[in-house]
């Protein structure tokens, strides 16, 4: 169990970033489900409940993975301008 606030604050940031993914992104649905899980953990942490460090790590790693994959789907603006 952990009482470290740093992973919780990182999860808050990641939840906000997941929320900003375009609904057109093929990762939006996964991001939405993950964000829901993160919000549950944040609510538990805010209520003072202990959260297993392994669970925090898993959610953090998965959030970064989805955000990285979604970012790879964003077209390069230079390539878009070259093709016009």
Protein backbone atom coordinates (compact mmCIF):
# COMPACT_ATOMS: atom_id res chain seq x y z
CA UNK A 1 0.00 0.00 0.00
CA UNK A 2 1.14 3.55 -0.55
CA UNK A 3 0.59 6.93 1.01
CA UNK A 4 2.78 8.71 -1.53
CA UNK A 5 0.87 11.60 -3.14
CA UNK A 6 3.09 11.83 -6.22
CA UNK A 7 1.58 8.81 -8.06
CA UNK A 8 -1.91 10.08 -7.26
CA UNK A 9 -1.15 13.52 -8.70
CA UNK A 10 0.34 11.89 -11.79
CA UNK A 11 -2.87 9.88 -12.21
CA UNK A 12 -4.89 13.10 -11.98
CA UNK A 13 -2.82 14.57 -14.78
CA UNK A 14 -3.09 11.44 -16.89
CA UNK A 15 -6.88 11.30 -16.41
CA UNK A 16 -7.12 14.87 -17.68
CA UNK A 17 -4.97 14.02 -20.71
CA UNK A 18 -7.01 10.90 -21.49
CA UNK A 19 -10.17 13.00 -21.38
CA UNK A 20 -8.76 15.31 -24.05
CA UNK A 21 -8.30 12.58 -26.66
CA UNK A 22 -10.40 13.19 -29.73
CA UNK A 23 -13.51 11.06 -29.95
CA UNK A 24 -12.33 10.28 -33.47
CA UNK A 25 -9.23 8.59 -32.10
CA UNK A 26 -9.29 4.83 -32.27
CA UNK A 27 -7.91 4.96 -28.71
CA UNK A 28 -10.77 7.04 -27.29
CA UNK A 29 -12.86 4.09 -26.14
CA UNK A 30 -9.98 2.44 -24.29
CA UNK A 31 -8.98 5.79 -22.85
CA UNK A 32 -12.51 6.32 -21.56
CA UNK A 33 -12.57 2.98 -19.77
CA UNK A 34 -9.14 3.51 -18.29
CA UNK A 35 -10.08 7.02 -17.20
CA UNK A 36 -13.10 5.59 -15.38
CA UNK A 37 -10.83 3.21 -13.48
CA UNK A 38 -8.43 6.02 -12.65
CA UNK A 39 -11.28 8.17 -11.34
CA UNK A 40 -12.39 5.32 -9.04
CA UNK A 41 -8.86 5.08 -7.64
CA UNK A 42 -8.66 8.86 -7.20
CA UNK A 43 -11.95 8.85 -5.31
CA UNK A 44 -10.66 6.07 -3.04
CA UNK A 45 -7.43 7.97 -2.44
CA UNK A 46 -9.35 11.17 -1.70
CA UNK A 47 -11.41 9.22 0.84
CA UNK A 48 -8.18 8.18 2.55
CA UNK A 49 -8.33 4.56 1.47
CA UNK A 50 -4.97 2.89 0.87
CA UNK A 51 -4.22 2.03 -2.76
CA UNK A 52 -1.83 -0.74 -3.74
CA UNK A 53 1.29 0.66 -5.38
CA UNK A 54 1.13 -2.07 -8.03
CA UNK A 55 -2.35 -0.89 -9.05
CA UNK A 56 -1.14 2.71 -9.32
CA UNK A 57 1.79 1.57 -11.44
CA UNK A 58 -0.42 -0.50 -13.73
CA UNK A 59 -2.86 2.37 -14.31
CA UNK A 60 -0.03 4.83 -14.87
CA UNK A 61 1.77 2.58 -17.33
CA UNK A 62 -1.42 1.84 -19.25
CA UNK A 63 -2.35 5.52 -19.43
CA UNK A 64 1.06 6.44 -20.81
CA UNK A 65 0.82 3.59 -23.31
CA UNK A 66 -2.56 4.73 -24.63
CA UNK A 67 -1.47 8.37 -24.80
CA UNK A 68 1.70 7.43 -26.70
CA UNK A 69 -0.22 5.28 -29.16
CA UNK A 70 -2.83 7.99 -29.68
CA UNK A 71 -0.07 10.54 -30.28
CA UNK A 72 1.43 8.31 -32.96
CA UNK A 73 -1.88 8.52 -34.84
CA UNK A 74 -1.69 12.33 -35.04
CA UNK A 75 -0.57 13.29 -38.54
CA UNK A 76 2.59 15.33 -38.95
CA UNK A 77 1.63 18.86 -40.04
CA UNK A 78 4.66 19.14 -42.30
CA UNK A 79 3.58 16.02 -44.16
CA UNK A 80 0.06 17.39 -44.54
CA UNK A 81 1.34 20.64 -46.03
CA UNK A 82 3.71 18.82 -48.38
CA UNK A 83 0.85 16.75 -49.79
CA UNK A 84 -1.29 19.78 -50.68
